[in-house]
């Protein structure tokens, strides 16, 4: 039986699989390390050692440790965007209270699943443009969807927001939600009870958007 050398097209899938495995090992290493120490304390050497990849291999896939964090955040942002599709208009029979729980609950689920990645990203947004852009895009997606829902309810006379400036109102509520769910010290203090925070956020959204109807 004749043996022919593999063509580049035949060899490419094997190379990609090996590359994907190394790349995923790096991503997983950062996720694991963030459970143990702050992102600021991570180095490329530490990440490479945990991933079992040479430093040269690390730089083949990522420019810096910030690039790894940006990729992890991008994946979390995609998940949040999928969940925000669940921010559909209030369904028949769904009370404002149930709607507020649905909105806050979806966000809390994503933040909880990706903690401490979300915390690391919020800290890194002040020093890394790519991470800041990802977080800003994520925020704008949520903002547009919720503003559209509220505008529809205002037209239907089923919502009575505390302000006529809906974009600014929703932006303020969404910003407070993001900072609270990531444990920002300014809003959270020493309270580590996430359930309490979620309940307060639910009431904040409920009263800001529907409180005028009471």
N, C-alpha and C. Protein backbone atom coordinates (compact mmCIF):
# COMPACT_ATOMS: atom_id res chain seq x y z
N UNK A 1 0.85 -1.19 0.00
CA UNK A 1 0.00 0.00 0.00
C UNK A 1 0.89 1.25 0.00
N UNK A 2 0.63 2.15 -0.92
CA UNK A 2 1.44 3.36 -1.01
C UNK A 2 1.13 4.31 0.13
N UNK A 3 2.16 4.99 0.59
CA UNK A 3 1.96 5.97 1.65
C UNK A 3 2.34 7.34 1.11
N UNK A 4 1.43 8.28 1.23
CA UNK A 4 1.67 9.62 0.72
C UNK A 4 1.73 10.59 1.89
N UNK A 5 2.60 11.58 1.79
CA UNK A 5 2.66 12.59 2.87
C UNK A 5 1.36 13.35 2.97
N UNK A 6 1.02 13.71 4.15
CA UNK A 6 -0.23 14.46 4.35
C UNK A 6 -0.11 15.84 3.74
N UNK A 7 -1.18 16.28 3.14
CA UNK A 7 -1.23 17.63 2.59
C UNK A 7 -1.40 18.61 3.73
N UNK A 8 -1.10 19.91 3.51
CA UNK A 8 -1.32 20.91 4.57
C UNK A 8 -2.75 20.91 5.06
N UNK A 9 -3.70 20.68 4.10
CA UNK A 9 -5.11 20.69 4.51
C UNK A 9 -5.41 19.54 5.45
N UNK A 10 -4.74 18.36 5.21
CA UNK A 10 -4.97 17.21 6.07
C UNK A 10 -4.32 17.39 7.43
N UNK A 11 -3.17 18.08 7.45
CA UNK A 11 -2.43 18.25 8.71
C UNK A 11 -3.04 19.33 9.59
N UNK A 12 -3.70 20.32 9.00
CA UNK A 12 -4.19 21.48 9.74
C UNK A 12 -5.10 21.12 10.90
N UNK A 13 -6.08 20.17 10.74
CA UNK A 13 -6.97 19.88 11.87
C UNK A 13 -6.21 19.39 13.09
N UNK A 14 -5.14 18.59 12.89
CA UNK A 14 -4.37 18.07 14.01
C UNK A 14 -3.68 19.22 14.74
N UNK A 15 -3.08 20.14 13.96
CA UNK A 15 -2.41 21.30 14.54
C UNK A 15 -3.39 22.16 15.31
N UNK A 16 -4.57 22.35 14.73
CA UNK A 16 -5.57 23.18 15.41
C UNK A 16 -6.01 22.56 16.72
N UNK A 17 -6.17 21.21 16.69
CA UNK A 17 -6.61 20.56 17.92
C UNK A 17 -5.57 20.71 19.02
N UNK A 18 -4.29 20.55 18.65
CA UNK A 18 -3.23 20.71 19.64
C UNK A 18 -3.20 22.15 20.13
N UNK A 19 -3.32 23.09 19.20
CA UNK A 19 -3.33 24.50 19.57
C UNK A 19 -4.51 24.84 20.46
N UNK A 20 -5.67 24.32 20.12
CA UNK A 20 -6.85 24.58 20.93
C UNK A 20 -6.65 24.05 22.35
N UNK A 21 -6.01 22.88 22.45
CA UNK A 21 -5.80 22.27 23.76
C UNK A 21 -4.89 23.16 24.62
N UNK A 22 -3.81 23.65 24.03
CA UNK A 22 -2.90 24.52 24.78
C UNK A 22 -3.58 25.83 25.14
N UNK A 23 -4.32 26.37 24.21
CA UNK A 23 -5.01 27.64 24.46
C UNK A 23 -6.02 27.48 25.59
N UNK A 24 -6.78 26.39 25.56
CA UNK A 24 -7.76 26.15 26.61
C UNK A 24 -7.08 25.91 27.94
N UNK A 25 -5.89 25.28 27.92
CA UNK A 25 -5.17 25.05 29.17
C UNK A 25 -4.77 26.37 29.81
N UNK A 26 -4.39 27.34 28.98
CA UNK A 26 -4.03 28.66 29.50
C UNK A 26 -5.24 29.35 30.10
N UNK A 27 -6.35 29.30 29.38
CA UNK A 27 -7.58 29.92 29.89
C UNK A 27 -8.00 29.28 31.21
N UNK A 28 -7.93 27.95 31.26
CA UNK A 28 -8.33 27.25 32.48
C UNK A 28 -7.37 27.55 33.62
N UNK A 29 -6.09 27.72 33.30
CA UNK A 29 -5.11 28.03 34.34
C UNK A 29 -5.42 29.36 34.99
N UNK A 30 -5.77 30.36 34.18
CA UNK A 30 -6.09 31.68 34.74
C UNK A 30 -7.36 31.60 35.59
N UNK A 31 -8.35 30.86 35.10
CA UNK A 31 -9.57 30.70 35.90
C UNK A 31 -9.25 30.09 37.26
N UNK A 32 -8.41 29.06 37.26
CA UNK A 32 -8.05 28.41 38.51
C UNK A 32 -7.23 29.30 39.42
N UNK A 33 -6.28 30.00 38.85
CA UNK A 33 -5.42 30.88 39.65
C UNK A 33 -6.20 32.02 40.28
N UNK A 34 -7.22 32.50 39.59
CA UNK A 34 -8.02 33.59 40.13
C UNK A 34 -8.82 33.15 41.35
N UNK A 35 -8.97 31.86 41.53
CA UNK A 35 -9.61 31.35 42.75
C UNK A 35 -8.67 31.45 43.94
N UNK A 36 -7.37 31.60 43.65
CA UNK A 36 -6.37 31.55 44.70
C UNK A 36 -5.74 32.89 45.05
N UNK A 37 -5.68 33.80 44.05
CA UNK A 37 -4.98 35.07 44.28
C UNK A 37 -5.52 36.15 43.36
N UNK A 38 -5.29 37.42 43.68
CA UNK A 38 -5.75 38.52 42.82
C UNK A 38 -5.06 38.48 41.46
N UNK A 39 -5.73 39.01 40.46
CA UNK A 39 -5.19 39.03 39.11
C UNK A 39 -3.87 39.79 39.05
N UNK A 40 -3.74 40.84 39.85
CA UNK A 40 -2.51 41.65 39.84
C UNK A 40 -1.29 40.84 40.23
N UNK A 41 -1.48 39.75 40.97
CA UNK A 41 -0.35 38.94 41.41
C UNK A 41 0.03 37.85 40.42
N UNK A 42 -0.75 37.69 39.36
CA UNK A 42 -0.45 36.65 38.37
C UNK A 42 0.63 37.14 37.41
N UNK A 43 1.51 36.24 37.02
CA UNK A 43 2.52 36.54 36.02
C UNK A 43 2.39 35.54 34.88
N UNK A 44 2.99 35.87 33.75
CA UNK A 44 2.94 34.95 32.61
C UNK A 44 3.61 33.63 32.97
N UNK A 45 4.68 33.69 33.74
CA UNK A 45 5.38 32.46 34.16
C UNK A 45 4.48 31.59 35.02
N UNK A 46 3.78 32.22 35.95
CA UNK A 46 2.87 31.47 36.83
C UNK A 46 1.76 30.80 36.01
N UNK A 47 1.19 31.55 35.07
CA UNK A 47 0.12 31.02 34.23
C UNK A 47 0.64 29.89 33.36
N UNK A 48 1.82 30.09 32.76
CA UNK A 48 2.39 29.07 31.88
C UNK A 48 2.68 27.78 32.64
N UNK A 49 3.24 27.91 33.84
CA UNK A 49 3.54 26.74 34.64
C UNK A 49 2.28 25.97 35.01
N UNK A 50 1.24 26.70 35.39
CA UNK A 50 -0.01 26.03 35.75
C UNK A 50 -0.63 25.34 34.53
N UNK A 51 -0.49 25.96 33.37
CA UNK A 51 -1.09 25.41 32.15
C UNK A 51 -0.24 24.31 31.54
N UNK A 52 1.02 24.21 31.97
CA UNK A 52 1.90 23.23 31.38
C UNK A 52 2.34 23.61 29.98
N UNK A 53 2.48 24.92 29.76
CA UNK A 53 2.85 25.46 28.45
C UNK A 53 4.08 26.34 28.63
N UNK A 54 5.02 26.27 27.69
CA UNK A 54 6.20 27.12 27.75
C UNK A 54 5.81 28.58 27.58
N UNK A 55 6.65 29.49 28.08
CA UNK A 55 6.37 30.92 27.91
C UNK A 55 6.22 31.28 26.44
N UNK A 56 7.06 30.68 25.60
CA UNK A 56 6.94 30.95 24.17
C UNK A 56 5.60 30.47 23.64
N UNK A 57 5.11 29.37 24.21
CA UNK A 57 3.79 28.86 23.81
C UNK A 57 2.69 29.80 24.25
N UNK A 58 2.86 30.36 25.45
CA UNK A 58 1.88 31.33 25.94
C UNK A 58 1.76 32.49 24.97
N UNK A 59 2.91 33.06 24.59
CA UNK A 59 2.89 34.23 23.72
C UNK A 59 2.48 33.91 22.29
N UNK A 60 2.45 32.63 21.95
CA UNK A 60 1.93 32.25 20.63
C UNK A 60 0.43 32.48 20.57
N UNK A 61 -0.25 32.32 21.73
CA UNK A 61 -1.71 32.46 21.76
C UNK A 61 -2.18 33.80 22.31
N UNK A 62 -1.43 34.38 23.22
CA UNK A 62 -1.87 35.60 23.87
C UNK A 62 -0.72 36.60 23.98
N UNK A 63 -1.06 37.88 23.88
CA UNK A 63 -0.05 38.94 23.98
C UNK A 63 0.37 39.19 25.42
N UNK A 64 -0.54 38.97 26.36
CA UNK A 64 -0.26 39.26 27.76
C UNK A 64 -1.30 38.56 28.62
N UNK A 65 -1.12 38.66 29.92
CA UNK A 65 -2.11 38.08 30.82
C UNK A 65 -3.45 38.81 30.68
N UNK A 66 -3.41 40.08 30.29
CA UNK A 66 -4.64 40.82 30.08
C UNK A 66 -5.43 40.27 28.90
N UNK A 67 -4.72 39.79 27.90
CA UNK A 67 -5.39 39.20 26.73
C UNK A 67 -6.14 37.93 27.12
N UNK A 68 -5.57 37.16 28.05
CA UNK A 68 -6.25 35.95 28.52
C UNK A 68 -7.52 36.35 29.26
N UNK A 69 -7.40 37.32 30.15
CA UNK A 69 -8.56 37.77 30.91
C UNK A 69 -9.63 38.33 29.98
N UNK A 70 -9.20 39.05 28.95
CA UNK A 70 -10.15 39.61 27.98
C UNK A 70 -10.92 38.50 27.27
N UNK A 71 -10.23 37.41 26.93
CA UNK A 71 -10.90 36.31 26.25
C UNK A 71 -11.91 35.63 27.17
N UNK A 72 -11.53 35.43 28.42
CA UNK A 72 -12.45 34.83 29.39
C UNK A 72 -13.67 35.73 29.56
N UNK A 73 -13.42 37.04 29.61
CA UNK A 73 -14.51 37.99 29.78
C UNK A 73 -15.41 38.00 28.55
N UNK A 74 -14.82 37.86 27.37
CA UNK A 74 -15.61 37.84 26.14
C UNK A 74 -16.57 36.65 26.16
N UNK A 75 -16.10 35.51 26.66
CA UNK A 75 -16.96 34.34 26.74
C UNK A 75 -18.10 34.58 27.74
N UNK A 76 -17.77 35.22 28.86
CA UNK A 76 -18.81 35.54 29.85
C UNK A 76 -19.81 36.53 29.27
N UNK A 77 -19.32 37.48 28.47
CA UNK A 77 -20.20 38.47 27.86
C UNK A 77 -21.17 37.80 26.89
N UNK A 78 -20.69 36.81 26.14
CA UNK A 78 -21.56 36.08 25.23
C UNK A 78 -22.67 35.37 26.00
N UNK A 79 -22.28 34.81 27.15
CA UNK A 79 -23.27 34.12 27.98
C UNK A 79 -24.32 35.10 28.49
N UNK A 80 -23.85 36.27 28.91
CA UNK A 80 -24.78 37.28 29.41
C UNK A 80 -25.70 37.76 28.30
N UNK A 81 -25.16 37.93 27.09
CA UNK A 81 -25.99 38.36 25.98
C UNK A 81 -27.08 37.32 25.68
N UNK A 82 -26.72 36.04 25.80
CA UNK A 82 -27.72 34.99 25.61
C UNK A 82 -28.81 35.09 26.68
N UNK A 83 -28.38 35.31 27.91
CA UNK A 83 -29.35 35.42 28.99
C UNK A 83 -30.21 36.67 28.86
N UNK A 84 -29.63 37.76 28.36
CA UNK A 84 -30.42 38.98 28.25
C UNK A 84 -31.49 38.86 27.18
N UNK A 85 -31.38 37.84 26.32
CA UNK A 85 -32.49 37.58 25.40
C UNK A 85 -33.73 37.19 26.21
N UNK A 86 -33.46 36.74 27.45
CA UNK A 86 -34.56 36.36 28.34
C UNK A 86 -35.23 37.60 28.92
N UNK A 87 -34.61 38.77 28.72
CA UNK A 87 -35.24 40.01 29.15
C UNK A 87 -36.32 40.39 28.14
N UNK A 88 -37.20 39.45 27.89
CA UNK A 88 -38.29 39.69 26.95
C UNK A 88 -39.32 40.58 27.63
N UNK A 89 -40.20 41.20 26.84
CA UNK A 89 -41.26 41.99 27.46
C UNK A 89 -42.04 41.18 28.49
N UNK A 90 -42.57 41.86 29.45
CA UNK A 90 -43.32 41.19 30.50
C UNK A 90 -44.45 40.36 29.90
N UNK A 91 -44.51 39.12 30.29
CA UNK A 91 -45.48 38.20 29.72
C UNK A 91 -46.86 38.38 30.38
N UNK A 92 -47.93 37.99 29.67
CA UNK A 92 -49.26 38.06 30.28
C UNK A 92 -49.30 37.30 31.61
N UNK A 93 -49.75 37.98 32.63
CA UNK A 93 -49.83 37.35 33.94
C UNK A 93 -48.56 37.48 34.76
N UNK A 94 -47.48 37.99 34.15
CA UNK A 94 -46.23 38.17 34.90
C UNK A 94 -46.25 39.53 35.59
N UNK A 95 -46.13 39.52 36.89
CA UNK A 95 -46.20 40.76 37.66
C UNK A 95 -44.89 41.53 37.54
N UNK A 96 -44.91 42.84 37.85
CA UNK A 96 -43.66 43.61 37.88
C UNK A 96 -42.64 42.98 38.83
N UNK A 97 -43.11 42.45 39.96
CA UNK A 97 -42.21 41.81 40.91
C UNK A 97 -41.50 40.62 40.27
N UNK A 98 -42.25 39.80 39.54
CA UNK A 98 -41.66 38.63 38.88
C UNK A 98 -40.68 39.06 37.79
N UNK A 99 -41.02 40.15 37.09
CA UNK A 99 -40.14 40.64 36.03
C UNK A 99 -38.82 41.13 36.61
N UNK A 100 -38.88 41.87 37.73
CA UNK A 100 -37.67 42.36 38.38
C UNK A 100 -36.80 41.20 38.85
N UNK A 101 -37.42 40.16 39.39
CA UNK A 101 -36.66 38.99 39.82
C UNK A 101 -35.99 38.31 38.63
N UNK A 102 -36.68 38.29 37.52
CA UNK A 102 -36.13 37.66 36.31
C UNK A 102 -34.91 38.43 35.80
N UNK A 103 -35.00 39.74 35.77
CA UNK A 103 -33.89 40.56 35.28
C UNK A 103 -32.68 40.44 36.19
N UNK A 104 -32.89 40.71 37.47
CA UNK A 104 -31.77 40.69 38.41
C UNK A 104 -31.22 39.28 38.56
N UNK A 105 -32.11 38.29 38.54
CA UNK A 105 -31.66 36.91 38.69
C UNK A 105 -30.76 36.45 37.56
N UNK A 106 -31.07 36.85 36.32
CA UNK A 106 -30.23 36.48 35.18
C UNK A 106 -28.84 37.06 35.32
N UNK A 107 -28.77 38.34 35.69
CA UNK A 107 -27.47 38.99 35.86
C UNK A 107 -26.69 38.35 37.01
N UNK A 108 -27.38 38.08 38.12
CA UNK A 108 -26.71 37.50 39.28
C UNK A 108 -26.14 36.12 38.95
N UNK A 109 -26.85 35.35 38.12
CA UNK A 109 -26.39 34.01 37.76
C UNK A 109 -25.08 34.08 36.98
N UNK A 110 -24.98 35.03 36.03
CA UNK A 110 -23.76 35.16 35.24
C UNK A 110 -22.61 35.64 36.10
N UNK A 111 -22.85 36.63 36.96
CA UNK A 111 -21.79 37.14 37.82
C UNK A 111 -21.30 36.06 38.78
N UNK A 112 -22.24 35.29 39.33
CA UNK A 112 -21.86 34.25 40.29
C UNK A 112 -21.03 33.16 39.61
N UNK A 113 -21.44 32.76 38.41
CA UNK A 113 -20.73 31.70 37.70
C UNK A 113 -19.32 32.12 37.33
N UNK A 114 -19.14 33.40 37.03
CA UNK A 114 -17.84 33.88 36.55
C UNK A 114 -17.03 34.63 37.62
N UNK A 115 -17.49 34.60 38.85
CA UNK A 115 -16.70 35.18 39.92
C UNK A 115 -15.58 34.20 40.26
N UNK A 116 -14.31 34.62 40.40
CA UNK A 116 -13.83 36.00 40.55
C UNK A 116 -13.34 36.65 39.25
N UNK A 117 -13.68 36.04 38.10
CA UNK A 117 -13.28 36.63 36.83
C UNK A 117 -13.86 38.03 36.66
N UNK A 118 -15.14 38.18 37.00
CA UNK A 118 -15.79 39.48 36.86
C UNK A 118 -15.12 40.51 37.77
N UNK A 119 -14.77 40.11 38.97
CA UNK A 119 -14.10 41.02 39.89
C UNK A 119 -12.74 41.45 39.33
N UNK A 120 -12.00 40.49 38.77
CA UNK A 120 -10.69 40.79 38.20
C UNK A 120 -10.84 41.73 37.01
N UNK A 121 -11.87 41.52 36.20
CA UNK A 121 -12.08 42.39 35.04
C UNK A 121 -12.42 43.81 35.47
N UNK A 122 -13.25 43.95 36.48
CA UNK A 122 -13.59 45.29 36.95
C UNK A 122 -12.36 46.01 37.47
N UNK A 123 -11.45 45.27 38.10
CA UNK A 123 -10.22 45.89 38.60
C UNK A 123 -9.29 46.24 37.44
N UNK A 124 -9.29 45.39 36.40
CA UNK A 124 -8.37 45.60 35.27
C UNK A 124 -8.88 46.61 34.26
N UNK A 125 -10.15 46.94 34.32
CA UNK A 125 -10.71 47.84 33.31
C UNK A 125 -10.04 49.22 33.34
N UNK A 126 -9.48 49.58 34.47
CA UNK A 126 -8.83 50.89 34.59
C UNK A 126 -7.44 50.92 33.95
N UNK A 127 -6.88 49.73 33.66
CA UNK A 127 -5.53 49.69 33.11
C UNK A 127 -5.45 49.01 31.75
N UNK A 128 -6.55 48.35 31.31
CA UNK A 128 -6.50 47.63 30.04
C UNK A 128 -7.68 48.02 29.16
N UNK A 129 -7.36 48.57 27.99
CA UNK A 129 -8.39 49.08 27.08
C UNK A 129 -9.28 47.97 26.55
N UNK A 130 -8.69 46.81 26.21
CA UNK A 130 -9.48 45.72 25.64
C UNK A 130 -10.54 45.23 26.61
N UNK A 131 -10.16 45.07 27.86
CA UNK A 131 -11.12 44.62 28.87
C UNK A 131 -12.19 45.68 29.09
N UNK A 132 -11.77 46.95 29.14
CA UNK A 132 -12.75 48.02 29.31
C UNK A 132 -13.75 48.04 28.16
N UNK A 133 -13.29 47.83 26.95
CA UNK A 133 -14.19 47.82 25.79
C UNK A 133 -15.17 46.66 25.85
N UNK A 134 -14.69 45.49 26.28
CA UNK A 134 -15.58 44.33 26.39
C UNK A 134 -16.66 44.60 27.43
N UNK A 135 -16.26 45.12 28.57
CA UNK A 135 -17.24 45.42 29.62
C UNK A 135 -18.24 46.47 29.16
N UNK A 136 -17.75 47.48 28.44
CA UNK A 136 -18.64 48.53 27.96
C UNK A 136 -19.63 47.99 26.94
N UNK A 137 -19.16 47.12 26.03
CA UNK A 137 -20.07 46.53 25.04
C UNK A 137 -21.13 45.68 25.71
N UNK A 138 -20.69 44.90 26.70
CA UNK A 138 -21.63 44.07 27.45
C UNK A 138 -22.71 44.93 28.12
N UNK A 139 -22.26 46.01 28.72
CA UNK A 139 -23.18 46.91 29.42
C UNK A 139 -24.18 47.53 28.45
N UNK A 140 -23.71 47.94 27.27
CA UNK A 140 -24.58 48.58 26.29
C UNK A 140 -25.63 47.62 25.76
N UNK A 141 -25.28 46.35 25.60
CA UNK A 141 -26.25 45.34 25.13
C UNK A 141 -27.39 45.23 26.13
N UNK A 142 -27.05 45.10 27.39
CA UNK A 142 -28.07 44.99 28.44
C UNK A 142 -28.92 46.26 28.48
N UNK A 143 -28.24 47.39 28.41
CA UNK A 143 -28.94 48.68 28.49
C UNK A 143 -29.98 48.82 27.38
N UNK A 144 -29.58 48.56 26.14
CA UNK A 144 -30.52 48.72 25.02
C UNK A 144 -31.73 47.82 25.16
N UNK A 145 -31.52 46.60 25.59
CA UNK A 145 -32.63 45.67 25.69
C UNK A 145 -33.62 46.08 26.78
N UNK A 146 -33.09 46.52 27.90
CA UNK A 146 -33.99 46.90 29.00
C UNK A 146 -34.72 48.20 28.67
N UNK A 147 -34.04 49.16 28.07
CA UNK A 147 -34.69 50.42 27.68
C UNK A 147 -35.84 50.14 26.72
N UNK A 148 -35.65 49.22 25.78
CA UNK A 148 -36.71 48.88 24.82
C UNK A 148 -37.92 48.29 25.54
N UNK A 149 -37.66 47.44 26.53
CA UNK A 149 -38.75 46.83 27.29
C UNK A 149 -39.53 47.89 28.06
N UNK A 150 -38.80 48.79 28.72
CA UNK A 150 -39.46 49.83 29.52
C UNK A 150 -40.23 50.79 28.62
N UNK A 151 -39.65 51.18 27.49
CA UNK A 151 -40.35 52.07 26.56
C UNK A 151 -41.67 51.46 26.10
N UNK A 152 -41.64 50.16 25.83
CA UNK A 152 -42.86 49.48 25.38
C UNK A 152 -43.92 49.50 26.48
N UNK A 153 -43.50 49.33 27.71
CA UNK A 153 -44.46 49.35 28.82
C UNK A 153 -45.01 50.75 29.06
N UNK A 154 -44.18 51.76 28.86
CA UNK A 154 -44.66 53.14 29.02
C UNK A 154 -45.74 53.44 27.98
N UNK A 155 -45.48 53.00 26.74
CA UNK A 155 -46.48 53.22 25.69
C UNK A 155 -47.78 52.49 25.99
N UNK A 156 -47.65 51.34 26.63
CA UNK A 156 -48.84 50.56 26.99
C UNK A 156 -49.45 51.02 28.31
N UNK A 157 -48.85 52.03 28.94
CA UNK A 157 -49.30 52.57 30.22
C UNK A 157 -49.30 51.52 31.33
N UNK A 158 -48.34 50.61 31.27
CA UNK A 158 -48.23 49.58 32.31
C UNK A 158 -47.00 49.80 33.20
N UNK A 159 -46.23 50.85 32.90
CA UNK A 159 -45.08 51.20 33.75
C UNK A 159 -45.11 52.69 34.02
N UNK A 160 -44.66 53.09 35.21
CA UNK A 160 -44.66 54.48 35.61
C UNK A 160 -43.31 54.80 36.27
N UNK A 161 -42.27 54.95 35.47
CA UNK A 161 -40.92 55.18 36.01
C UNK A 161 -40.83 56.46 36.83
N UNK A 162 -39.84 56.51 37.69
CA UNK A 162 -39.67 57.69 38.54
C UNK A 162 -39.03 58.84 37.77
N UNK A 163 -38.57 58.59 36.53
CA UNK A 163 -37.98 59.64 35.71
C UNK A 163 -38.40 59.46 34.26
N UNK A 164 -38.52 60.57 33.56
CA UNK A 164 -38.84 60.50 32.13
C UNK A 164 -37.60 60.19 31.29
N UNK A 165 -36.42 60.34 31.86
CA UNK A 165 -35.18 60.07 31.15
C UNK A 165 -34.85 58.58 31.32
N UNK A 166 -35.49 57.76 30.51
CA UNK A 166 -35.38 56.31 30.66
C UNK A 166 -33.95 55.79 30.44
N UNK A 167 -33.24 56.23 29.39
CA UNK A 167 -31.87 55.72 29.22
C UNK A 167 -30.97 55.98 30.43
N UNK A 168 -31.06 57.19 30.99
CA UNK A 168 -30.22 57.51 32.15
C UNK A 168 -30.68 56.72 33.38
N UNK A 169 -31.97 56.57 33.54
CA UNK A 169 -32.50 55.81 34.67
C UNK A 169 -32.05 54.36 34.60
N UNK A 170 -32.20 53.74 33.45
CA UNK A 170 -31.82 52.33 33.29
C UNK A 170 -30.30 52.18 33.41
N UNK A 171 -29.55 53.13 32.86
CA UNK A 171 -28.09 53.07 32.98
C UNK A 171 -27.67 53.12 34.45
N UNK A 172 -28.32 53.99 35.23
CA UNK A 172 -28.00 54.10 36.65
C UNK A 172 -28.33 52.81 37.38
N UNK A 173 -29.50 52.24 37.08
CA UNK A 173 -29.91 50.99 37.72
C UNK A 173 -28.98 49.85 37.33
N UNK A 174 -28.63 49.77 36.05
CA UNK A 174 -27.76 48.70 35.57
C UNK A 174 -26.35 48.84 36.15
N UNK A 175 -25.87 50.08 36.25
CA UNK A 175 -24.55 50.30 36.83
C UNK A 175 -24.51 49.90 38.30
N UNK A 176 -25.55 50.28 39.04
CA UNK A 176 -25.62 49.90 40.45
C UNK A 176 -25.69 48.39 40.59
N UNK A 177 -26.40 47.75 39.67
CA UNK A 177 -26.52 46.29 39.71
C UNK A 177 -25.17 45.62 39.47
N UNK A 178 -24.44 46.08 38.44
CA UNK A 178 -23.14 45.50 38.13
C UNK A 178 -22.16 45.66 39.28
N UNK A 179 -22.09 46.87 39.86
CA UNK A 179 -21.16 47.11 40.95
C UNK A 179 -21.54 46.32 42.20
N UNK A 180 -22.83 46.21 42.45
CA UNK A 180 -23.28 45.47 43.64
C UNK A 180 -23.00 43.98 43.50
N UNK A 181 -23.25 43.43 42.31
CA UNK A 181 -23.05 42.00 42.12
C UNK A 181 -21.58 41.60 42.06
N UNK A 182 -20.70 42.55 41.73
CA UNK A 182 -19.27 42.24 41.74
C UNK A 182 -18.62 42.59 43.07
N UNK A 183 -19.43 43.03 44.02
CA UNK A 183 -18.91 43.28 45.37
C UNK A 183 -18.11 44.54 45.52
N UNK A 184 -18.43 45.57 44.73
CA UNK A 184 -17.71 46.84 44.84
C UNK A 184 -17.83 47.36 46.28
N UNK A 185 -16.71 47.65 46.94
CA UNK A 185 -16.73 48.06 48.34
C UNK A 185 -17.61 49.29 48.61
N UNK A 186 -17.69 50.20 47.63
CA UNK A 186 -18.47 51.41 47.84
C UNK A 186 -19.94 51.09 48.07
N UNK A 187 -20.46 50.07 47.37
CA UNK A 187 -21.87 49.72 47.49
C UNK A 187 -22.13 48.56 48.44
N UNK A 188 -21.14 47.72 48.62
CA UNK A 188 -21.36 46.50 49.40
C UNK A 188 -20.85 46.62 50.83
N UNK A 189 -19.76 47.36 51.02
CA UNK A 189 -19.18 47.44 52.35
C UNK A 189 -18.62 46.09 52.77
N UNK A 190 -18.96 45.64 53.98
CA UNK A 190 -18.47 44.36 54.49
C UNK A 190 -19.54 43.27 54.39
N UNK A 191 -20.61 43.55 53.69
CA UNK A 191 -21.71 42.59 53.56
C UNK A 191 -21.37 41.56 52.49
N UNK A 192 -21.25 40.29 52.89
CA UNK A 192 -20.94 39.24 51.92
C UNK A 192 -22.16 38.36 51.62
N UNK A 193 -23.35 38.84 52.00
CA UNK A 193 -24.59 38.10 51.75
C UNK A 193 -25.14 38.50 50.38
N UNK A 194 -24.85 37.69 49.37
CA UNK A 194 -25.28 38.00 48.01
C UNK A 194 -26.79 38.02 47.89
N UNK A 195 -27.47 37.13 48.59
CA UNK A 195 -28.93 37.07 48.50
C UNK A 195 -29.56 38.38 48.97
N UNK A 196 -29.00 38.97 50.01
CA UNK A 196 -29.51 40.25 50.49
C UNK A 196 -29.34 41.32 49.42
N UNK A 197 -28.18 41.33 48.78
CA UNK A 197 -27.94 42.31 47.72
C UNK A 197 -28.93 42.14 46.58
N UNK A 198 -29.16 40.89 46.20
CA UNK A 198 -30.09 40.62 45.09
C UNK A 198 -31.49 41.11 45.44
N UNK A 199 -31.92 40.87 46.67
CA UNK A 199 -33.27 41.31 47.07
C UNK A 199 -33.39 42.83 47.02
N UNK A 200 -32.34 43.52 47.45
CA UNK A 200 -32.36 44.98 47.41
C UNK A 200 -32.41 45.47 45.97
N UNK A 201 -31.62 44.85 45.10
CA UNK A 201 -31.61 45.23 43.69
C UNK A 201 -32.98 45.01 43.05
N UNK A 202 -33.62 43.92 43.39
CA UNK A 202 -34.97 43.66 42.87
C UNK A 202 -35.91 44.79 43.25
N UNK A 203 -35.86 45.21 44.51
CA UNK A 203 -36.73 46.28 44.97
C UNK A 203 -36.36 47.61 44.31
N UNK A 204 -35.08 47.81 44.06
CA UNK A 204 -34.63 49.04 43.41
C UNK A 204 -35.22 49.14 42.00
N UNK A 205 -35.10 48.07 41.22
CA UNK A 205 -35.65 48.05 39.87
C UNK A 205 -37.18 48.19 39.91
N UNK A 206 -37.79 47.46 40.79
CA UNK A 206 -39.25 47.44 40.87
C UNK A 206 -39.81 48.82 41.18
N UNK A 207 -39.24 49.48 42.19
CA UNK A 207 -39.78 50.79 42.57
C UNK A 207 -39.38 51.89 41.60
N UNK A 208 -38.24 51.77 40.96
CA UNK A 208 -37.81 52.80 40.00
C UNK A 208 -38.63 52.76 38.73
N UNK A 209 -39.07 51.57 38.33
CA UNK A 209 -39.81 51.45 37.06
C UNK A 209 -41.31 51.32 37.22
N UNK A 210 -41.75 50.76 38.33
CA UNK A 210 -43.19 50.56 38.53
C UNK A 210 -43.73 51.18 39.81
N UNK A 211 -42.83 51.77 40.61
CA UNK A 211 -43.26 52.31 41.90
C UNK A 211 -44.30 53.40 41.78
N UNK A 212 -44.27 54.16 40.66
CA UNK A 212 -45.22 55.23 40.49
C UNK A 212 -46.64 54.76 40.32
N UNK A 213 -46.81 53.46 40.06
CA UNK A 213 -48.16 52.94 39.84
C UNK A 213 -48.85 52.61 41.15
N UNK A 214 -48.10 52.63 42.23
CA UNK A 214 -48.69 52.24 43.51
C UNK A 214 -49.37 53.42 44.19
